[in-house]
Amino acid sequence: MKTHRLRAVALSAALMLLAPFAHASPAGDFVRAKQTQLLDYMRHAKTAEDEKKVQAAFDSALDYDTLAKESLKEAWDGLKPEERTEFQGILTKLVRAAYRKSLKRIRDYDVEYVGESKEDSRAIVLTRAKSTTDNREEPVTINYVVSQASGAWRIVDIVTEGSSLVGNYRSQFRRIIKKQGFPELIRRMKTKLEKGDVD
């Protein structure tokens, strides 16, 4: 019985990957291809060389420049070049880790690509992840905000159950900078990385 169920789950996942995206678009195709690639790389990562491939895949999916600017907003313009470089370097690691944690959460889920909406020059790819092991668990909605630059799509925000990754960072960063300054923000970001607190 257990073997039969595992085969059924595997077949369902395979069909999901092969079936045409109901709202096929370049943005949707990009997100779907990157998700598939990242999950595959993560499942098979066993060596340092494998881990380099995983990180390269994340780097080709995420727009760190835009993520850095939008998470700081008005504070970005007031930073010195070296401060921007330091901030973006730490944020890159935080975002990469947060996205990886999100993917680990849904790696045993069926992911359905349910549509796409537009917001100015950006596309929002809508997905719903359903547990394959607990039918009582509510599906998780994860939407990917993507933008195109120089002919390449990149993710500029991830919205999980209505909660924006960039929006959450922005509110936290703004509060810390206002009360304690930019050096304190850098210190706290480094602490988050060290502790693995990447939500």
N, C-alpha and C. Protein backbone atom coordinates (compact mmCIF):
# COMPACT_ATOMS: atom_id res chain seq x y z
N MET A 1 0.84 -1.21 0.00
CA MET A 1 0.00 0.00 0.00
C MET A 1 0.86 1.25 0.00
N LYS A 2 1.91 1.25 0.86
CA LYS A 2 2.80 2.40 0.94
C LYS A 2 3.54 2.59 -0.37
N THR A 3 4.01 1.46 -0.97
CA THR A 3 4.72 1.53 -2.25
C THR A 3 3.82 2.08 -3.34
N HIS A 4 2.56 1.63 -3.32
CA HIS A 4 1.59 2.12 -4.32
C HIS A 4 1.39 3.63 -4.19
N ARG A 5 1.30 4.09 -2.95
CA ARG A 5 1.10 5.53 -2.73
C ARG A 5 2.31 6.33 -3.20
N LEU A 6 3.51 5.81 -2.89
CA LEU A 6 4.72 6.51 -3.30
C LEU A 6 4.80 6.61 -4.82
N ARG A 7 4.42 5.52 -5.51
CA ARG A 7 4.42 5.55 -6.97
C ARG A 7 3.42 6.55 -7.51
N ALA A 8 2.25 6.61 -6.85
CA ALA A 8 1.23 7.55 -7.29
C ALA A 8 1.70 8.99 -7.11
N VAL A 9 2.36 9.27 -5.98
CA VAL A 9 2.89 10.61 -5.73
C VAL A 9 3.95 10.96 -6.76
N ALA A 10 4.85 10.01 -7.03
CA ALA A 10 5.91 10.24 -8.01
C ALA A 10 5.33 10.51 -9.39
N LEU A 11 4.30 9.72 -9.77
CA LEU A 11 3.67 9.91 -11.08
C LEU A 11 2.99 11.26 -11.16
N SER A 12 2.31 11.65 -10.07
CA SER A 12 1.65 12.95 -10.03
C SER A 12 2.65 14.08 -10.21
N ALA A 13 3.80 13.98 -9.52
CA ALA A 13 4.83 15.02 -9.64
C ALA A 13 5.38 15.07 -11.05
N ALA A 14 5.59 13.90 -11.65
CA ALA A 14 6.13 13.86 -13.01
C ALA A 14 5.16 14.48 -14.00
N LEU A 15 3.88 14.17 -13.84
CA LEU A 15 2.88 14.73 -14.75
C LEU A 15 2.77 16.23 -14.59
N MET A 16 2.93 16.71 -13.33
CA MET A 16 2.87 18.15 -13.09
C MET A 16 3.98 18.87 -13.84
N LEU A 17 5.17 18.25 -13.86
CA LEU A 17 6.30 18.88 -14.52
C LEU A 17 6.16 18.84 -16.03
N LEU A 18 5.50 17.79 -16.54
CA LEU A 18 5.39 17.64 -17.98
C LEU A 18 4.19 18.36 -18.57
N ALA A 19 3.15 18.55 -17.76
CA ALA A 19 1.94 19.16 -18.27
C ALA A 19 2.17 20.62 -18.63
N PRO A 20 1.53 21.13 -19.70
CA PRO A 20 1.72 22.52 -20.08
C PRO A 20 1.13 23.46 -19.05
N PHE A 21 1.82 24.52 -18.76
CA PHE A 21 1.37 25.55 -17.82
C PHE A 21 0.12 26.21 -18.41
N ALA A 22 -0.96 26.19 -17.64
CA ALA A 22 -2.26 26.65 -18.15
C ALA A 22 -2.21 28.09 -18.63
N HIS A 23 -1.38 28.90 -17.98
CA HIS A 23 -1.27 30.31 -18.37
C HIS A 23 0.17 30.55 -18.83
N ALA A 24 0.59 29.79 -19.82
CA ALA A 24 1.99 29.83 -20.25
C ALA A 24 2.41 31.25 -20.64
N SER A 25 3.57 31.64 -20.17
CA SER A 25 4.12 32.95 -20.47
C SER A 25 5.62 32.87 -20.21
N PRO A 26 6.40 33.79 -20.77
CA PRO A 26 7.84 33.77 -20.49
C PRO A 26 8.15 33.86 -18.99
N ALA A 27 7.40 34.72 -18.27
CA ALA A 27 7.64 34.86 -16.83
C ALA A 27 7.30 33.56 -16.09
N GLY A 28 6.16 32.98 -16.42
CA GLY A 28 5.76 31.72 -15.78
C GLY A 28 6.72 30.60 -16.11
N ASP A 29 7.15 30.53 -17.36
CA ASP A 29 8.10 29.50 -17.76
C ASP A 29 9.42 29.64 -17.02
N PHE A 30 9.85 30.90 -16.83
CA PHE A 30 11.10 31.16 -16.10
C PHE A 30 11.01 30.66 -14.67
N VAL A 31 9.94 31.02 -13.96
CA VAL A 31 9.79 30.61 -12.57
C VAL A 31 9.72 29.09 -12.46
N ARG A 32 8.93 28.49 -13.32
CA ARG A 32 8.77 27.04 -13.28
C ARG A 32 10.10 26.32 -13.54
N ALA A 33 10.84 26.78 -14.55
CA ALA A 33 12.12 26.15 -14.88
C ALA A 33 13.11 26.30 -13.74
N LYS A 34 13.16 27.50 -13.14
CA LYS A 34 14.10 27.73 -12.04
C LYS A 34 13.75 26.91 -10.81
N GLN A 35 12.44 26.81 -10.50
CA GLN A 35 12.02 26.01 -9.36
C GLN A 35 12.43 24.56 -9.55
N THR A 36 12.19 24.04 -10.74
CA THR A 36 12.53 22.65 -11.04
C THR A 36 14.03 22.43 -10.92
N GLN A 37 14.81 23.35 -11.49
CA GLN A 37 16.26 23.24 -11.44
C GLN A 37 16.78 23.30 -10.00
N LEU A 38 16.29 24.27 -9.24
CA LEU A 38 16.77 24.45 -7.87
C LEU A 38 16.43 23.25 -6.99
N LEU A 39 15.19 22.76 -7.09
CA LEU A 39 14.80 21.60 -6.29
C LEU A 39 15.64 20.38 -6.65
N ASP A 40 15.90 20.20 -7.93
CA ASP A 40 16.72 19.07 -8.38
C ASP A 40 18.15 19.18 -7.84
N TYR A 41 18.74 20.36 -7.98
CA TYR A 41 20.10 20.58 -7.49
C TYR A 41 20.18 20.37 -5.98
N MET A 42 19.19 20.89 -5.26
CA MET A 42 19.19 20.78 -3.80
C MET A 42 19.08 19.32 -3.35
N ARG A 43 18.25 18.54 -4.04
CA ARG A 43 18.07 17.13 -3.68
C ARG A 43 19.36 16.33 -3.85
N HIS A 44 20.15 16.70 -4.83
CA HIS A 44 21.33 15.91 -5.17
C HIS A 44 22.65 16.53 -4.70
N ALA A 45 22.57 17.63 -3.98
CA ALA A 45 23.80 18.29 -3.51
C ALA A 45 24.47 17.49 -2.40
N LYS A 46 25.66 16.96 -2.69
CA LYS A 46 26.38 16.17 -1.70
C LYS A 46 27.82 16.65 -1.51
N THR A 47 28.35 17.36 -2.48
CA THR A 47 29.75 17.79 -2.42
C THR A 47 29.82 19.31 -2.49
N ALA A 48 31.02 19.83 -2.24
CA ALA A 48 31.23 21.28 -2.34
C ALA A 48 30.97 21.77 -3.76
N GLU A 49 31.30 20.94 -4.74
CA GLU A 49 31.07 21.31 -6.14
C GLU A 49 29.58 21.36 -6.43
N ASP A 50 28.82 20.43 -5.87
CA ASP A 50 27.36 20.44 -6.02
C ASP A 50 26.77 21.72 -5.41
N GLU A 51 27.31 22.10 -4.25
CA GLU A 51 26.81 23.29 -3.56
C GLU A 51 27.08 24.55 -4.39
N LYS A 52 28.18 24.58 -5.10
CA LYS A 52 28.47 25.72 -5.97
C LYS A 52 27.42 25.83 -7.07
N LYS A 53 26.96 24.69 -7.58
CA LYS A 53 25.93 24.68 -8.62
C LYS A 53 24.61 25.20 -8.06
N VAL A 54 24.31 24.82 -6.81
CA VAL A 54 23.09 25.29 -6.16
C VAL A 54 23.12 26.81 -6.03
N GLN A 55 24.23 27.34 -5.52
CA GLN A 55 24.35 28.79 -5.33
C GLN A 55 24.29 29.53 -6.67
N ALA A 56 24.92 28.98 -7.69
CA ALA A 56 24.89 29.61 -9.01
C ALA A 56 23.46 29.65 -9.54
N ALA A 57 22.69 28.60 -9.28
CA ALA A 57 21.30 28.57 -9.73
C ALA A 57 20.47 29.63 -9.01
N PHE A 58 20.69 29.78 -7.70
CA PHE A 58 19.99 30.85 -6.97
C PHE A 58 20.38 32.21 -7.53
N ASP A 59 21.66 32.39 -7.81
CA ASP A 59 22.15 33.68 -8.30
C ASP A 59 21.58 34.02 -9.68
N SER A 60 21.29 33.00 -10.48
CA SER A 60 20.71 33.25 -11.80
C SER A 60 19.20 33.47 -11.73
N ALA A 61 18.61 33.18 -10.55
CA ALA A 61 17.16 33.36 -10.39
C ALA A 61 16.80 34.68 -9.73
N LEU A 62 17.69 35.20 -8.88
CA LEU A 62 17.37 36.36 -8.04
C LEU A 62 18.08 37.63 -8.51
N ASP A 63 17.37 38.75 -8.45
CA ASP A 63 17.94 40.05 -8.81
C ASP A 63 18.37 40.75 -7.52
N TYR A 64 19.61 40.54 -7.13
CA TYR A 64 20.09 41.08 -5.86
C TYR A 64 20.19 42.60 -5.86
N ASP A 65 20.49 43.20 -7.00
CA ASP A 65 20.57 44.67 -7.07
C ASP A 65 19.23 45.29 -6.71
N THR A 66 18.17 44.80 -7.35
CA THR A 66 16.83 45.35 -7.09
C THR A 66 16.38 45.03 -5.67
N LEU A 67 16.65 43.83 -5.20
CA LEU A 67 16.28 43.45 -3.84
C LEU A 67 16.94 44.37 -2.81
N ALA A 68 18.20 44.71 -3.03
CA ALA A 68 18.92 45.59 -2.10
C ALA A 68 18.32 46.98 -2.10
N LYS A 69 18.10 47.54 -3.28
CA LYS A 69 17.56 48.91 -3.38
C LYS A 69 16.16 49.01 -2.81
N GLU A 70 15.31 48.01 -3.10
CA GLU A 70 13.92 48.10 -2.67
C GLU A 70 13.74 47.76 -1.20
N SER A 71 14.65 47.01 -0.62
CA SER A 71 14.54 46.71 0.80
C SER A 71 14.99 47.89 1.66
N LEU A 72 15.77 48.80 1.08
CA LEU A 72 16.19 50.01 1.81
C LEU A 72 15.43 51.25 1.40
N LYS A 73 14.94 51.27 0.14
CA LYS A 73 14.22 52.43 -0.41
C LYS A 73 15.02 53.71 -0.25
N GLU A 74 14.46 54.70 0.47
CA GLU A 74 15.09 56.02 0.54
C GLU A 74 16.46 56.00 1.21
N ALA A 75 16.71 55.03 2.09
CA ALA A 75 18.00 54.96 2.78
C ALA A 75 19.13 54.59 1.82
N TRP A 76 18.80 53.92 0.72
CA TRP A 76 19.82 53.48 -0.24
C TRP A 76 20.61 54.65 -0.81
N ASP A 77 19.91 55.73 -1.14
CA ASP A 77 20.57 56.89 -1.77
C ASP A 77 21.58 57.55 -0.85
N GLY A 78 21.40 57.41 0.44
CA GLY A 78 22.30 58.06 1.39
C GLY A 78 23.53 57.24 1.76
N LEU A 79 23.63 56.04 1.20
CA LEU A 79 24.77 55.19 1.56
C LEU A 79 25.99 55.47 0.70
N LYS A 80 27.16 55.29 1.28
CA LYS A 80 28.40 55.38 0.53
C LYS A 80 28.56 54.12 -0.32
N PRO A 81 29.34 54.17 -1.40
CA PRO A 81 29.53 52.98 -2.25
C PRO A 81 29.96 51.74 -1.47
N GLU A 82 30.88 51.90 -0.53
CA GLU A 82 31.36 50.76 0.23
C GLU A 82 30.27 50.20 1.16
N GLU A 83 29.39 51.09 1.65
CA GLU A 83 28.27 50.64 2.48
C GLU A 83 27.27 49.85 1.65
N ARG A 84 27.00 50.32 0.45
CA ARG A 84 26.09 49.60 -0.45
C ARG A 84 26.63 48.21 -0.76
N THR A 85 27.93 48.14 -1.02
CA THR A 85 28.55 46.85 -1.35
C THR A 85 28.44 45.88 -0.18
N GLU A 86 28.73 46.38 1.02
CA GLU A 86 28.65 45.52 2.20
C GLU A 86 27.23 45.06 2.45
N PHE A 87 26.29 46.00 2.37
CA PHE A 87 24.88 45.67 2.60
C PHE A 87 24.39 44.63 1.60
N GLN A 88 24.67 44.86 0.32
CA GLN A 88 24.18 43.94 -0.70
C GLN A 88 24.80 42.55 -0.55
N GLY A 89 26.06 42.49 -0.15
CA GLY A 89 26.71 41.20 0.05
C GLY A 89 26.04 40.38 1.13
N ILE A 90 25.68 41.04 2.24
CA ILE A 90 25.02 40.33 3.34
C ILE A 90 23.58 39.99 2.97
N LEU A 91 22.88 40.94 2.33
CA LEU A 91 21.49 40.69 1.93
C LEU A 91 21.41 39.53 0.94
N THR A 92 22.37 39.45 0.03
CA THR A 92 22.40 38.36 -0.93
C THR A 92 22.36 37.01 -0.21
N LYS A 93 23.17 36.87 0.83
CA LYS A 93 23.21 35.61 1.58
C LYS A 93 21.90 35.37 2.33
N LEU A 94 21.32 36.43 2.88
CA LEU A 94 20.06 36.29 3.61
C LEU A 94 18.93 35.86 2.67
N VAL A 95 18.82 36.53 1.52
CA VAL A 95 17.75 36.23 0.57
C VAL A 95 17.91 34.82 0.01
N ARG A 96 19.13 34.48 -0.34
CA ARG A 96 19.40 33.14 -0.87
C ARG A 96 18.98 32.07 0.15
N ALA A 97 19.34 32.31 1.41
CA ALA A 97 19.01 31.34 2.46
C ALA A 97 17.50 31.28 2.70
N ALA A 98 16.82 32.43 2.65
CA ALA A 98 15.38 32.47 2.87
C ALA A 98 14.65 31.73 1.74
N TYR A 99 15.08 31.94 0.50
CA TYR A 99 14.47 31.28 -0.64
C TYR A 99 14.71 29.77 -0.56
N ARG A 100 15.90 29.40 -0.16
CA ARG A 100 16.22 27.98 -0.02
C ARG A 100 15.34 27.33 1.05
N LYS A 101 15.14 28.03 2.15
CA LYS A 101 14.30 27.51 3.22
C LYS A 101 12.86 27.34 2.73
N SER A 102 12.39 28.29 1.92
CA SER A 102 11.04 28.21 1.35
C SER A 102 10.91 27.00 0.44
N LEU A 103 11.93 26.75 -0.37
CA LEU A 103 11.89 25.61 -1.28
C LEU A 103 11.94 24.29 -0.51
N LYS A 104 12.72 24.23 0.56
CA LYS A 104 12.78 23.01 1.36
C LYS A 104 11.41 22.70 1.95
N ARG A 105 10.68 23.75 2.29
CA ARG A 105 9.36 23.55 2.88
C ARG A 105 8.40 22.88 1.90
N ILE A 106 8.54 23.17 0.61
CA ILE A 106 7.58 22.65 -0.36
C ILE A 106 8.16 21.56 -1.27
N ARG A 107 9.32 21.01 -0.92
CA ARG A 107 9.93 20.04 -1.84
C ARG A 107 9.13 18.75 -1.94
N ASP A 108 8.30 18.44 -0.95
CA ASP A 108 7.45 17.25 -1.01
C ASP A 108 5.99 17.63 -1.29
N TYR A 109 5.81 18.79 -1.90
CA TYR A 109 4.48 19.27 -2.24
C TYR A 109 4.29 19.22 -3.76
N ASP A 110 3.02 19.16 -4.16
CA ASP A 110 2.69 19.38 -5.56
C ASP A 110 2.52 20.89 -5.74
N VAL A 111 3.24 21.46 -6.68
CA VAL A 111 3.16 22.90 -6.92
C VAL A 111 2.35 23.15 -8.19
N GLU A 112 1.29 23.90 -8.04
CA GLU A 112 0.42 24.23 -9.17
C GLU A 112 0.64 25.69 -9.56
N TYR A 113 0.87 25.94 -10.84
CA TYR A 113 1.02 27.30 -11.36
C TYR A 113 -0.35 27.75 -11.82
N VAL A 114 -0.95 28.65 -11.03
CA VAL A 114 -2.37 28.93 -11.20
C VAL A 114 -2.68 30.18 -12.03
N GLY A 115 -1.68 30.95 -12.38
CA GLY A 115 -1.96 32.13 -13.19
C GLY A 115 -0.88 33.18 -13.09
N GLU A 116 -1.18 34.34 -13.61
CA GLU A 116 -0.21 35.42 -13.62
C GLU A 116 -0.95 36.75 -13.67
N SER A 117 -0.41 37.74 -12.98
CA SER A 117 -0.97 39.08 -13.03
C SER A 117 0.15 40.06 -13.36
N LYS A 118 -0.24 41.26 -13.71
CA LYS A 118 0.74 42.29 -14.07
C LYS A 118 0.71 43.43 -13.06
N GLU A 119 1.88 43.99 -12.81
CA GLU A 119 2.00 45.16 -11.95
C GLU A 119 3.07 46.06 -12.54
N ASP A 120 2.62 47.10 -13.25
CA ASP A 120 3.53 47.97 -13.99
C ASP A 120 4.33 47.11 -14.99
N SER A 121 5.65 47.16 -14.92
CA SER A 121 6.46 46.39 -15.86
C SER A 121 6.80 45.00 -15.33
N ARG A 122 6.21 44.63 -14.22
CA ARG A 122 6.52 43.35 -13.60
C ARG A 122 5.39 42.34 -13.78
N ALA A 123 5.76 41.08 -13.66
CA ALA A 123 4.78 40.01 -13.69
C ALA A 123 4.79 39.32 -12.33
N ILE A 124 3.62 38.89 -11.89
CA ILE A 124 3.49 38.15 -10.64
C ILE A 124 2.99 36.76 -10.98
N VAL A 125 3.86 35.79 -10.80
CA VAL A 125 3.53 34.39 -11.11
C VAL A 125 2.93 33.76 -9.86
N LEU A 126 1.69 33.29 -9.98
CA LEU A 126 0.93 32.79 -8.84
C LEU A 126 1.05 31.27 -8.75
N THR A 127 1.44 30.77 -7.58
CA THR A 127 1.55 29.33 -7.40
C THR A 127 0.86 28.91 -6.10
N ARG A 128 0.48 27.63 -6.07
CA ARG A 128 -0.13 27.06 -4.88
C ARG A 128 0.51 25.71 -4.63
N ALA A 129 1.03 25.50 -3.43
CA ALA A 129 1.71 24.25 -3.08
C ALA A 129 0.83 23.44 -2.14
N LYS A 130 0.59 22.18 -2.52
CA LYS A 130 -0.29 21.31 -1.74
C LYS A 130 0.50 20.12 -1.22
N SER A 131 0.37 19.85 0.08
CA SER A 131 1.07 18.73 0.68
C SER A 131 0.64 17.41 0.06
N THR A 132 1.62 16.54 -0.18
CA THR A 132 1.32 15.21 -0.71
C THR A 132 1.21 14.18 0.40
N THR A 133 1.46 14.59 1.63
CA THR A 133 1.45 13.64 2.76
C THR A 133 0.33 13.90 3.76
N ASP A 134 -0.28 15.10 3.69
CA ASP A 134 -1.34 15.45 4.64
C ASP A 134 -2.45 16.20 3.90
N ASN A 135 -3.52 15.49 3.58
CA ASN A 135 -4.62 16.10 2.83
C ASN A 135 -5.36 17.17 3.62
N ARG A 136 -5.19 17.16 4.93
CA ARG A 136 -5.88 18.16 5.76
C ARG A 136 -5.14 19.49 5.80
N GLU A 137 -3.89 19.47 5.38
CA GLU A 137 -3.09 20.70 5.42
C GLU A 137 -3.52 21.65 4.31
N GLU A 138 -3.71 22.90 4.68
CA GLU A 138 -4.12 23.91 3.71
C GLU A 138 -3.00 24.19 2.70
N PRO A 139 -3.34 24.40 1.44
CA PRO A 139 -2.32 24.73 0.44
C PRO A 139 -1.62 26.04 0.81
N VAL A 140 -0.38 26.16 0.41
CA VAL A 140 0.42 27.36 0.66
C VAL A 140 0.50 28.16 -0.64
N THR A 141 0.15 29.44 -0.58
CA THR A 141 0.27 30.28 -1.78
C THR A 141 1.61 31.00 -1.74
N ILE A 142 2.36 30.84 -2.82
CA ILE A 142 3.66 31.51 -2.97
C ILE A 142 3.67 32.17 -4.33
N ASN A 143 3.78 33.49 -4.33
CA ASN A 143 3.78 34.25 -5.57
C ASN A 143 5.14 34.88 -5.80
N TYR A 144 5.58 34.85 -7.04
CA TYR A 144 6.91 35.33 -7.40
C TYR A 144 6.78 36.57 -8.27
N VAL A 145 7.34 37.67 -7.78
CA VAL A 145 7.35 38.92 -8.55
C VAL A 145 8.62 38.92 -9.38
N VAL A 146 8.46 38.99 -10.69
CA VAL A 146 9.63 38.90 -11.58
C VAL A 146 9.69 40.11 -12.49
N SER A 147 10.89 40.47 -12.84
CA SER A 147 11.13 41.61 -13.71
C SER A 147 12.18 41.21 -14.75
N GLN A 148 12.12 41.87 -15.89
CA GLN A 148 13.06 41.55 -16.96
C GLN A 148 14.03 42.70 -17.18
N ALA A 149 15.31 42.37 -17.25
CA ALA A 149 16.35 43.36 -17.50
C ALA A 149 17.39 42.75 -18.43
N SER A 150 17.72 43.48 -19.48
CA SER A 150 18.70 43.00 -20.47
C SER A 150 18.32 41.63 -21.02
N GLY A 151 17.01 41.43 -21.21
CA GLY A 151 16.53 40.19 -21.80
C GLY A 151 16.44 39.00 -20.88
N ALA A 152 16.76 39.19 -19.58
CA ALA A 152 16.73 38.07 -18.64
C ALA A 152 15.73 38.33 -17.52
N TRP A 153 14.93 37.32 -17.19
CA TRP A 153 14.00 37.42 -16.08
C TRP A 153 14.74 37.17 -14.77
N ARG A 154 14.30 37.87 -13.72
CA ARG A 154 14.84 37.66 -12.38
C ARG A 154 13.73 37.86 -11.35
N ILE A 155 13.82 37.15 -10.24
CA ILE A 155 12.87 37.31 -9.14
C ILE A 155 13.27 38.53 -8.31
N VAL A 156 12.30 39.44 -8.07
CA VAL A 156 12.58 40.64 -7.28
C VAL A 156 11.81 40.65 -5.96
N ASP A 157 10.92 39.68 -5.76
CA ASP A 157 10.23 39.55 -4.48
C ASP A 157 9.53 38.20 -4.44
N ILE A 158 9.38 37.65 -3.23
CA ILE A 158 8.65 36.41 -3.02
C ILE A 158 7.60 36.68 -1.96
N VAL A 159 6.33 36.42 -2.31
CA VAL A 159 5.21 36.72 -1.41
C VAL A 159 4.59 35.40 -0.96
N THR A 160 4.79 35.05 0.30
CA THR A 160 4.29 33.79 0.84
C THR A 160 3.10 34.05 1.75
N GLU A 161 1.95 33.47 1.38
CA GLU A 161 0.72 33.67 2.14
C GLU A 161 0.46 35.16 2.38
N GLY A 162 0.70 35.97 1.36
CA GLY A 162 0.43 37.40 1.44
C GLY A 162 1.53 38.22 2.09
N SER A 163 2.59 37.56 2.55
CA SER A 163 3.67 38.27 3.24
C SER A 163 4.86 38.45 2.29
N SER A 164 5.21 39.70 2.00
CA SER A 164 6.29 40.02 1.06
C SER A 164 7.64 39.96 1.74
N LEU A 165 8.57 39.22 1.13
CA LEU A 165 9.94 39.15 1.66
C LEU A 165 10.57 40.53 1.70
N VAL A 166 10.47 41.27 0.59
CA VAL A 166 11.06 42.61 0.51
C VAL A 166 10.35 43.57 1.47
N GLY A 167 9.03 43.48 1.53
CA GLY A 167 8.27 44.35 2.43
C GLY A 167 8.64 44.14 3.89
N ASN A 168 8.82 42.88 4.27
CA ASN A 168 9.22 42.58 5.65
C ASN A 168 10.61 43.11 5.96
N TYR A 169 11.53 42.89 5.03
CA TYR A 169 12.87 43.43 5.22
C TYR A 169 12.83 44.95 5.35
N ARG A 170 12.08 45.60 4.45
CA ARG A 170 12.04 47.06 4.42
C ARG A 170 11.56 47.63 5.75
N SER A 171 10.49 47.07 6.31
CA SER A 171 9.97 47.60 7.57
C SER A 171 10.96 47.39 8.72
N GLN A 172 11.62 46.22 8.73
CA GLN A 172 12.62 45.97 9.77
C GLN A 172 13.82 46.90 9.62
N PHE A 173 14.33 47.00 8.38
CA PHE A 173 15.53 47.81 8.15
C PHE A 173 15.28 49.29 8.45
N ARG A 174 14.12 49.78 8.02
CA ARG A 174 13.78 51.19 8.24
C ARG A 174 13.74 51.50 9.73
N ARG A 175 13.13 50.60 10.50
CA ARG A 175 13.01 50.81 11.95
C ARG A 175 14.38 50.83 12.63
N ILE A 176 15.23 49.89 12.25
CA ILE A 176 16.56 49.81 12.88
C ILE A 176 17.41 51.03 12.52
N ILE A 177 17.40 51.40 11.24
CA ILE A 177 18.20 52.56 10.81
C ILE A 177 17.73 53.83 11.50
N LYS A 178 16.42 54.00 11.62
CA LYS A 178 15.87 55.21 12.24
C LYS A 178 16.26 55.31 13.71
N LYS A 179 16.24 54.19 14.42
CA LYS A 179 16.51 54.21 15.86
C LYS A 179 17.99 54.11 16.20
N GLN A 180 18.73 53.28 15.43
CA GLN A 180 20.10 52.98 15.85
C GLN A 180 21.16 53.14 14.77
N GLY A 181 20.73 53.44 13.54
CA GLY A 181 21.71 53.72 12.50
C GLY A 181 22.06 52.52 11.63
N PHE A 182 22.72 52.81 10.51
CA PHE A 182 23.08 51.79 9.54
C PHE A 182 24.08 50.75 10.08
N PRO A 183 25.12 51.16 10.85
CA PRO A 183 26.05 50.15 11.39
C PRO A 183 25.34 49.08 12.23
N GLU A 184 24.31 49.48 12.97
CA GLU A 184 23.57 48.51 13.78
C GLU A 184 22.80 47.54 12.88
N LEU A 185 22.27 48.06 11.76
CA LEU A 185 21.58 47.18 10.82
C LEU A 185 22.53 46.11 10.30
N ILE A 186 23.72 46.51 9.90
CA ILE A 186 24.71 45.54 9.39
C ILE A 186 25.04 44.51 10.47
N ARG A 187 25.19 44.96 11.69
CA ARG A 187 25.52 44.04 12.79
C ARG A 187 24.41 43.01 12.96
N ARG A 188 23.17 43.48 12.94
CA ARG A 188 22.04 42.56 13.14
C ARG A 188 21.88 41.59 11.97
N MET A 189 22.13 42.06 10.77
CA MET A 189 22.04 41.19 9.60
C MET A 189 23.07 40.07 9.68
N LYS A 190 24.28 40.42 10.11
CA LYS A 190 25.33 39.42 10.27
C LYS A 190 24.95 38.40 11.34
N THR A 191 24.33 38.89 12.42
CA THR A 191 23.89 37.99 13.50
C THR A 191 22.82 37.03 13.00
N LYS A 192 21.88 37.54 12.19
CA LYS A 192 20.83 36.68 11.62
C LYS A 192 21.44 35.56 10.79
N LEU A 193 22.43 35.89 10.01
CA LEU A 193 23.10 34.89 9.18
C LEU A 193 23.79 33.83 10.04
N GLU A 194 24.48 34.29 11.06
CA GLU A 194 25.21 33.37 11.94
C GLU A 194 24.27 32.41 12.64
N LYS A 195 23.09 32.90 13.01
CA LYS A 195 22.11 32.08 13.73
C LYS A 195 21.21 31.28 12.79
N GLY A 196 21.28 31.58 11.50
CA GLY A 196 20.40 30.89 10.56
C GLY A 196 18.97 31.38 10.62
N ASP A 197 18.77 32.58 11.18
CA ASP A 197 17.43 33.17 11.30
C ASP A 197 17.16 33.96 10.02
N VAL A 198 16.63 33.29 9.01
CA VAL A 198 16.56 33.91 7.68
C VAL A 198 15.13 34.18 7.20
N ASP A 199 14.13 34.04 8.06
CA ASP A 199 12.74 34.31 7.63
C ASP A 199 12.54 35.78 7.34
